[in-house]
Amino acid sequence: MRTIAIIVAGGSGTRFGAELPKQFLALGGKPILMRTIAAFAGIGGASLDVIVTLPADQMDLWRDLCERHGFAVPHRVVAGGETRWHSVKNALDSIGDLTGVDVIAVHDGVRPLATRELIGRTIETARRTGSAIPVVALNDSVRQLVGDDSRALDRSSLRAVQTPQVFDARMLMDAYRQPFDPTFTDDASVVEHAGHRVTLVEGDPQNLKITRPMDLALAEYLLNRDA
């Protein structure tokens, strides 16, 4: 069977405050996005296809970076869209025939520290149950805003959601035939809205999403520590 990994890398880097979009910033001497793609290399052997979504105006920059770094991990690039949902939809529409494809993983381009163990575990779980959503427990207390007031929530019943989120290929394709809804925050929410249940699996606290400079500094530390 063939597995497809969609890596969504459409960020502009405005929150990060850098000149380059954050997926192109260096982590351990390589652009973050290259490390993210490389994390999937070899998962499932030759039966893994990688699709990367990028804004159209970033494609030339990405090609230049790949040449400069000699980056040769096989992947193809698809133009992203206005939102994450639209980017994933564009990637799914580019697949065409699903013959032989069992599951599709969707991963954030700025989560470069996903381990092979986590990726493999989510893929295997999705093959058994139809989906796999990695989650981690919350360390901080949380409050819900209610108008001008707020109230404490029981954090023991809450989880932070990570990627890769992996789904039965036809289930995910079917879910993305729905019209866009601004409440779609990730792929799990799209699949749930289509009437499917999702399976939660244990995530990894080190599977950071790099959105701010302190996240990049922590990722550098973790990368050097594990080198």
C-alpha atoms as a PDB file:
ATOM      1  CA  MET A   1       0.000   0.000   0.000  1.00  0.00           C
ATOM      2  CA  ARG A   2       1.035   3.582  -0.637  1.00  0.00           C
ATOM      3  CA  THR A   3       1.054   6.357   1.964  1.00  0.00           C
ATOM      4  CA  ILE A   4       0.875  10.050   1.118  1.00  0.00           C
ATOM      5  CA  ALA A   5       2.196  12.797   3.391  1.00  0.00           C
ATOM      6  CA  ILE A   6       0.930  16.345   2.843  1.00  0.00           C
ATOM      7  CA  ILE A   7       3.208  18.919   4.468  1.00  0.00           C
ATOM      8  CA  VAL A   8       1.515  22.294   4.817  1.00  0.00           C
ATOM      9  CA  ALA A   9       3.969  25.189   4.653  1.00  0.00           C
ATOM     10  CA  GLY A  10       1.998  28.294   3.859  1.00  0.00           C
ATOM     11  CA  GLY A  11       3.066  30.590   6.675  1.00  0.00           C
ATOM     12  CA  SER A  12       4.118  34.163   5.995  1.00  0.00           C
ATOM     13  CA  GLY A  13       6.215  34.498   9.152  1.00  0.00           C
ATOM     14  CA  THR A  14       4.444  37.662  10.339  1.00  0.00           C
ATOM     15  CA  ARG A  15       4.109  36.449  13.931  1.00  0.00           C
ATOM     16  CA  PHE A  16       7.731  35.373  13.932  1.00  0.00           C
ATOM     17  CA  GLY A  17       8.923  38.818  12.890  1.00  0.00           C
ATOM     18  CA  ALA A  18      11.577  37.556  10.446  1.00  0.00           C
ATOM     19  CA  GLU A  19      12.230  38.654   6.876  1.00  0.00           C
ATOM     20  CA  LEU A  20      11.878  35.088   5.592  1.00  0.00           C
ATOM     21  CA  PRO A  21       8.770  32.972   6.171  1.00  0.00           C
ATOM     22  CA  LYS A  22       9.546  30.845   9.219  1.00  0.00           C
ATOM     23  CA  GLN A  23       9.521  27.541   7.305  1.00  0.00           C
ATOM     24  CA  PHE A  24      12.655  28.741   5.485  1.00  0.00           C
ATOM     25  CA  LEU A  25      14.597  29.878   8.547  1.00  0.00           C
ATOM     26  CA  ALA A  26      17.678  27.852   9.471  1.00  0.00           C
ATOM     27  CA  LEU A  27      17.524  25.128  12.099  1.00  0.00           C
ATOM     28  CA  GLY A  28      20.845  23.389  12.612  1.00  0.00           C
ATOM     29  CA  GLY A  29      22.106  24.905   9.370  1.00  0.00           C
ATOM     30  CA  LYS A  30      19.171  23.794   7.203  1.00  0.00           C
ATOM     31  CA  PRO A  31      15.803  25.386   6.474  1.00  0.00           C
ATOM     32  CA  ILE A  32      13.127  24.177   8.882  1.00  0.00           C
ATOM     33  CA  LEU A  33      10.992  22.820   6.031  1.00  0.00           C
ATOM     34  CA  MET A  34      13.838  20.588   4.812  1.00  0.00           C
ATOM     35  CA  ARG A  35      14.118  19.002   8.247  1.00  0.00           C
ATOM     36  CA  THR A  36      10.357  18.475   8.313  1.00  0.00           C
ATOM     37  CA  ILE A  37      10.334  16.745   4.919  1.00  0.00           C
ATOM     38  CA  ALA A  38      13.386  14.654   5.842  1.00  0.00           C
ATOM     39  CA  ALA A  39      11.580  13.374   8.949  1.00  0.00           C
ATOM     40  CA  PHE A  40       9.238  11.477   6.611  1.00  0.00           C
ATOM     41  CA  ALA A  41      11.953  10.138   4.289  1.00  0.00           C
ATOM     42  CA  GLY A  42      11.975   6.364   4.263  1.00  0.00           C
ATOM     43  CA  ILE A  43       8.808   5.987   6.348  1.00  0.00           C
ATOM     44  CA  GLY A  44       6.980   3.133   4.679  1.00  0.00           C
ATOM     45  CA  GLY A  45       9.891   2.530   2.327  1.00  0.00           C
ATOM     46  CA  ALA A  46       9.485   3.511  -1.314  1.00  0.00           C
ATOM     47  CA  SER A  47       5.687   3.575  -0.870  1.00  0.00           C
ATOM     48  CA  LEU A  48       5.634   7.077   0.642  1.00  0.00           C
ATOM     49  CA  ASP A  49       4.840  10.132  -1.494  1.00  0.00           C
ATOM     50  CA  VAL A  50       5.406  13.630  -0.086  1.00  0.00           C
ATOM     51  CA  ILE A  51       3.421  16.672  -1.242  1.00  0.00           C
ATOM     52  CA  VAL A  52       4.428  20.126   0.030  1.00  0.00           C
ATOM     53  CA  THR A  53       2.052  23.071  -0.195  1.00  0.00           C
ATOM     54  CA  LEU A  54       3.624  26.513  -0.583  1.00  0.00           C
ATOM     55  CA  PRO A  55       2.284  29.930  -1.578  1.00  0.00           C
ATOM     56  CA  ALA A  56       2.898  30.514  -5.274  1.00  0.00           C
ATOM     57  CA  ASP A  57       5.227  33.442  -4.562  1.00  0.00           C
ATOM     58  CA  GLN A  58       7.501  31.237  -2.422  1.00  0.00           C
ATOM     59  CA  MET A  59       8.112  28.463  -4.947  1.00  0.00           C
ATOM     60  CA  ASP A  60      11.118  30.049  -6.645  1.00  0.00           C
ATOM     61  CA  LEU A  61      12.704  30.710  -3.267  1.00  0.00           C
ATOM     62  CA  TRP A  62      12.149  27.078  -2.284  1.00  0.00           C
ATOM     63  CA  ARG A  63      13.747  25.806  -5.487  1.00  0.00           C
ATOM     64  CA  ASP A  64      16.757  28.062  -4.877  1.00  0.00           C
ATOM     65  CA  LEU A  65      17.107  26.797  -1.304  1.00  0.00           C
ATOM     66  CA  CYS A  66      16.919  23.165  -2.452  1.00  0.00           C
ATOM     67  CA  GLU A  67      19.715  23.779  -4.982  1.00  0.00           C
ATOM     68  CA  ARG A  68      21.843  25.667  -2.471  1.00  0.00           C
ATOM     69  CA  HIS A  69      21.568  22.921   0.152  1.00  0.00           C
ATOM     70  CA  GLY A  70      21.663  19.997  -2.266  1.00  0.00           C
ATOM     71  CA  PHE A  71      18.302  18.842  -0.921  1.00  0.00           C
ATOM     72  CA  ALA A  72      17.317  15.690  -2.765  1.00  0.00           C
ATOM     73  CA  VAL A  73      14.549  14.101  -0.655  1.00  0.00           C
ATOM     74  CA  PRO A  74      11.822  13.317  -3.229  1.00  0.00           C
ATOM     75  CA  HIS A  75       8.736  15.541  -2.989  1.00  0.00           C
ATOM     76  CA  ARG A  76       6.497  17.599  -5.195  1.00  0.00           C
ATOM     77  CA  VAL A  77       5.189  21.090  -4.580  1.00  0.00           C
ATOM     78  CA  VAL A  78       1.587  22.262  -4.917  1.00  0.00           C
ATOM     79  CA  ALA A  79       0.337  25.826  -4.622  1.00  0.00           C
ATOM     80  CA  GLY A  80      -1.345  26.473  -1.307  1.00  0.00           C
ATOM     81  CA  GLY A  81      -4.487  28.474  -0.717  1.00  0.00           C
ATOM     82  CA  GLU A  82      -5.994  31.247   1.372  1.00  0.00           C
ATOM     83  CA  THR A  83      -6.185  29.126   4.525  1.00  0.00           C
ATOM     84  CA  ARG A  84      -4.720  25.855   5.773  1.00  0.00           C
ATOM     85  CA  TRP A  85      -7.948  24.117   4.714  1.00  0.00           C
ATOM     86  CA  HIS A  86      -7.601  25.411   1.167  1.00  0.00           C
ATOM     87  CA  SER A  87      -3.958  24.327   1.032  1.00  0.00           C
ATOM     88  CA  VAL A  88      -4.794  20.776   2.113  1.00  0.00           C
ATOM     89  CA  LYS A  89      -7.707  20.717  -0.345  1.00  0.00           C
ATOM     90  CA  ASN A  90      -5.375  21.753  -3.186  1.00  0.00           C
ATOM     91  CA  ALA A  91      -2.953  18.981  -2.253  1.00  0.00           C
ATOM     92  CA  LEU A  92      -5.737  16.395  -2.116  1.00  0.00           C
ATOM     93  CA  ASP A  93      -7.113  17.551  -5.474  1.00  0.00           C
ATOM     94  CA  SER A  94      -3.649  17.073  -6.988  1.00  0.00           C
ATOM     95  CA  ILE A  95      -3.511  13.384  -6.042  1.00  0.00           C
ATOM     96  CA  GLY A  96      -6.013  12.099  -8.563  1.00  0.00           C
ATOM     97  CA  ASP A  97      -6.250   8.311  -8.482  1.00  0.00           C
ATOM     98  CA  LEU A  98      -6.242   6.820  -4.961  1.00  0.00           C
ATOM     99  CA  THR A  99      -5.609   3.275  -6.169  1.00  0.00           C
ATOM    100  CA  GLY A 100      -3.167   1.658  -3.750  1.00  0.00           C
ATOM    101  CA  VAL A 101      -3.252   4.556  -1.265  1.00  0.00           C
ATOM    102  CA  ASP A 102      -4.295   3.469   2.217  1.00  0.00           C
ATOM    103  CA  VAL A 103      -3.699   6.491   4.457  1.00  0.00           C
ATOM    104  CA  ILE A 104      -2.880  10.182   4.086  1.00  0.00           C
ATOM    105  CA  ALA A 105      -0.903  12.088   6.720  1.00  0.00           C
ATOM    106  CA  VAL A 106      -1.140  15.868   7.072  1.00  0.00           C
ATOM    107  CA  HIS A 107       1.715  17.601   8.895  1.00  0.00           C
ATOM    108  CA  ASP A 108       2.699  21.160   9.736  1.00  0.00           C
ATOM    109  CA  GLY A 109       5.729  22.348   7.799  1.00  0.00           C
ATOM    110  CA  VAL A 110       7.096  23.989  10.939  1.00  0.00           C
ATOM    111  CA  ARG A 111       7.080  20.838  13.089  1.00  0.00           C
ATOM    112  CA  PRO A 112      10.577  19.609  12.152  1.00  0.00           C
ATOM    113  CA  LEU A 113      11.191  17.476  15.254  1.00  0.00           C
ATOM    114  CA  ALA A 114       8.512  14.841  14.700  1.00  0.00           C
ATOM    115  CA  THR A 115      10.235  11.509  15.343  1.00  0.00           C
ATOM    116  CA  ARG A 116      10.110   8.493  13.085  1.00  0.00           C
ATOM    117  CA  GLU A 117       8.516   6.623  15.991  1.00  0.00           C
ATOM    118  CA  LEU A 118       5.661   9.142  16.254  1.00  0.00           C
ATOM    119  CA  ILE A 119       5.119   9.271  12.494  1.00  0.00           C
ATOM    120  CA  GLY A 120       5.171   5.491  12.212  1.00  0.00           C
ATOM    121  CA  ARG A 121       2.814   5.060  15.179  1.00  0.00           C
ATOM    122  CA  THR A 122       0.225   7.473  13.803  1.00  0.00           C
ATOM    123  CA  ILE A 123       0.328   5.781  10.393  1.00  0.00           C
ATOM    124  CA  GLU A 124      -0.099   2.307  11.868  1.00  0.00           C
ATOM    125  CA  THR A 125      -2.940   3.456  14.141  1.00  0.00           C
ATOM    126  CA  ALA A 126      -4.762   5.070  11.215  1.00  0.00           C
ATOM    127  CA  ARG A 127      -4.429   1.862   9.236  1.00  0.00           C
ATOM    128  CA  ARG A 128      -6.200   0.018  12.065  1.00  0.00           C
ATOM    129  CA  THR A 129      -8.811   2.567  13.128  1.00  0.00           C
ATOM    130  CA  GLY A 130      -9.182   5.010  10.240  1.00  0.00           C
ATOM    131  CA  SER A 131      -7.519   7.957  11.960  1.00  0.00           C
ATOM    132  CA  ALA A 132      -4.779   8.977  14.380  1.00  0.00           C
ATOM    133  CA  ILE A 133      -4.502  12.391  16.053  1.00  0.00           C
ATOM    134  CA  PRO A 134      -1.455  12.919  18.328  1.00  0.00           C
ATOM    135  CA  VAL A 135      -2.229  14.859  21.506  1.00  0.00           C
ATOM    136  CA  VAL A 136      -0.360  15.890  24.655  1.00  0.00           C
ATOM    137  CA  ALA A 137      -1.553  16.861  28.133  1.00  0.00           C
ATOM    138  CA  LEU A 138      -1.585  20.525  29.130  1.00  0.00           C
ATOM    139  CA  ASN A 139       0.811  21.774  31.785  1.00  0.00           C
ATOM    140  CA  ASP A 140      -0.708  25.213  32.312  1.00  0.00           C
ATOM    141  CA  SER A 141      -4.014  26.060  33.908  1.00  0.00           C
ATOM    142  CA  VAL A 142      -6.548  27.208  31.332  1.00  0.00           C
ATOM    143  CA  ARG A 143      -9.486  29.602  31.373  1.00  0.00           C
ATOM    144  CA  GLN A 144     -12.357  30.069  28.945  1.00  0.00           C
ATOM    145  CA  LEU A 145     -13.405  33.602  28.028  1.00  0.00           C
ATOM    146  CA  VAL A 146     -17.144  34.204  28.510  1.00  0.00           C
ATOM    147  CA  GLY A 147     -18.032  37.694  27.351  1.00  0.00           C
ATOM    148  CA  ASP A 148     -16.196  40.099  29.631  1.00  0.00           C
ATOM    149  CA  ASP A 149     -15.612  37.361  32.196  1.00  0.00           C
ATOM    150  CA  SER A 150     -13.746  34.047  32.286  1.00  0.00           C
ATOM    151  CA  ARG A 151     -13.973  30.689  34.002  1.00  0.00           C
ATOM    152  CA  ALA A 152     -11.509  27.984  34.907  1.00  0.00           C
ATOM    153  CA  LEU A 153     -11.582  24.715  32.971  1.00  0.00           C
ATOM    154  CA  ASP A 154     -10.468  21.292  34.119  1.00  0.00           C
ATOM    155  CA  ARG A 155      -7.201  20.838  32.220  1.00  0.00           C
ATOM    156  CA  SER A 156      -7.191  17.084  32.942  1.00  0.00           C
ATOM    157  CA  SER A 157      -9.957  16.727  30.362  1.00  0.00           C
ATOM    158  CA  LEU A 158      -8.167  18.835  27.727  1.00  0.00           C
ATOM    159  CA  ARG A 159      -5.403  17.986  25.286  1.00  0.00           C
ATOM    160  CA  ALA A 160      -3.211  20.007  22.923  1.00  0.00           C
ATOM    161  CA  VAL A 161      -3.375  18.684  19.362  1.00  0.00           C
ATOM    162  CA  GLN A 162      -0.319  18.042  17.194  1.00  0.00           C
ATOM    163  CA  THR A 163       0.434  16.694  13.731  1.00  0.00           C
ATOM    164  CA  PRO A 164       0.913  14.464  11.778  1.00  0.00           C
ATOM    165  CA  GLN A 165      -2.802  13.752  11.675  1.00  0.00           C
ATOM    166  CA  VAL A 166      -3.341  10.594   9.660  1.00  0.00           C
ATOM    167  CA  PHE A 167      -6.558   9.325   8.080  1.00  0.00           C
ATOM    168  CA  ASP A 168      -7.942   6.640   5.852  1.00  0.00           C
ATOM    169  CA  ALA A 169      -7.377   8.144   2.413  1.00  0.00           C
ATOM    170  CA  ARG A 170     -10.963   7.957   1.197  1.00  0.00           C
ATOM    171  CA  MET A 171     -12.306   9.232   4.519  1.00  0.00           C
ATOM    172  CA  LEU A 172     -10.121  12.340   4.259  1.00  0.00           C
ATOM    173  CA  MET A 173     -10.982  12.897   0.601  1.00  0.00           C
ATOM    174  CA  ASP A 174     -14.690  12.643   1.439  1.00  0.00           C
ATOM    175  CA  ALA A 175     -14.367  15.058   4.364  1.00  0.00           C
ATOM    176  CA  TYR A 176     -12.679  17.682   2.185  1.00  0.00           C
ATOM    177  CA  ARG A 177     -15.593  17.655  -0.243  1.00  0.00           C
ATOM    178  CA  GLN A 178     -17.478  19.725   2.346  1.00  0.00           C
ATOM    179  CA  PRO A 179     -17.636  23.480   1.821  1.00  0.00           C
ATOM    180  CA  PHE A 180     -15.103  25.484   3.806  1.00  0.00           C
ATOM    181  CA  ASP A 181     -16.139  26.430   7.339  1.00  0.00           C
ATOM    182  CA  PRO A 182     -14.091  28.903   9.429  1.00  0.00           C
ATOM    183  CA  THR A 183     -14.469  26.571  12.420  1.00  0.00           C
ATOM    184  CA  PHE A 184     -12.161  24.062  10.690  1.00  0.00           C
ATOM    185  CA  THR A 185      -8.979  24.489  12.747  1.00  0.00           C
ATOM    186  CA  ASP A 186      -7.258  21.275  11.661  1.00  0.00           C
ATOM    187  CA  ASP A 187      -7.922  18.120   9.681  1.00  0.00           C
ATOM    188  CA  ALA A 188      -9.511  16.331  12.629  1.00  0.00           C
ATOM    189  CA  SER A 189     -12.172  19.041  12.847  1.00  0.00           C
ATOM    190  CA  VAL A 190     -12.896  18.639   9.128  1.00  0.00           C
ATOM    191  CA  VAL A 191     -13.245  14.874   9.463  1.00  0.00           C
ATOM    192  CA  GLU A 192     -15.434  15.150  12.570  1.00  0.00           C
ATOM    193  CA  HIS A 193     -17.710  17.648  10.821  1.00  0.00           C
ATOM    194  CA  ALA A 194     -18.210  15.053   8.074  1.00  0.00           C
ATOM    195  CA  GLY A 195     -19.571  12.641  10.699  1.00  0.00           C
ATOM    196  CA  HIS A 196     -16.504  10.510  11.424  1.00  0.00           C
ATOM    197  CA  ARG A 197     -14.983   9.802  14.825  1.00  0.00           C
ATOM    198  CA  VAL A 198     -11.255  10.318  15.330  1.00  0.00           C
ATOM    199  CA  THR A 199      -8.771   8.295  17.346  1.00  0.00           C
ATOM    200  CA  LEU A 200      -6.396  10.061  19.738  1.00  0.00           C
ATOM    201  CA  VAL A 201      -2.852   8.772  20.228  1.00  0.00           C
ATOM    202  CA  GLU A 202      -0.078   9.906  22.552  1.00  0.00           C
ATOM    203  CA  GLY A 203       1.891  12.748  21.021  1.00  0.00           C
ATOM    204  CA  ASP A 204       5.354  14.036  21.859  1.00  0.00           C
ATOM    205  CA  PRO A 205       6.045  17.219  23.875  1.00  0.00           C
ATOM    206  CA  GLN A 206       9.179  17.775  21.774  1.00  0.00           C
ATOM    207  CA  ASN A 207       7.150  17.811  18.554  1.00  0.00           C
ATOM    208  CA  LEU A 208       7.237  21.603  18.580  1.00  0.00           C
ATOM    209  CA  LYS A 209       5.396  23.888  16.207  1.00  0.00           C
ATOM    210  CA  ILE A 210       7.802  26.730  15.525  1.00  0.00           C
ATOM    211  CA  THR A 211       5.816  29.955  15.549  1.00  0.00           C
ATOM    212  CA  ARG A 212       7.962  32.330  17.632  1.00  0.00           C
ATOM    213  CA  PRO A 213      11.702  32.943  18.103  1.00  0.00           C
ATOM    214  CA  MET A 214      11.733  31.132  21.464  1.00  0.00           C
ATOM    215  CA  ASP A 215      10.366  28.005  19.726  1.00  0.00           C
ATOM    216  CA  LEU A 216      13.265  28.079  17.272  1.00  0.00           C
ATOM    217  CA  ALA A 217      15.767  28.504  20.107  1.00  0.00           C
ATOM    218  CA  LEU A 218      14.273  25.511  21.938  1.00  0.00           C
ATOM    219  CA  ALA A 219      14.300  23.434  18.744  1.00  0.00           C
ATOM    220  CA  GLU A 220      18.009  24.276  18.263  1.00  0.00           C
ATOM    221  CA  TYR A 221      18.710  23.105  21.804  1.00  0.00           C
ATOM    222  CA  LEU A 222      16.805  19.848  21.352  1.00  0.00           C
ATOM    223  CA  LEU A 223      18.458  19.182  17.989  1.00  0.00           C
ATOM    224  CA  ASN A 224      21.959  19.728  19.409  1.00  0.00           C
ATOM    225  CA  ARG A 225      21.202  17.695  22.531  1.00  0.00           C
ATOM    226  CA  ASP A 226      20.086  14.681  20.502  1.00  0.00           C
ATOM    227  CA  ALA A 227      22.856  14.958  17.887  1.00  0.00           C
END
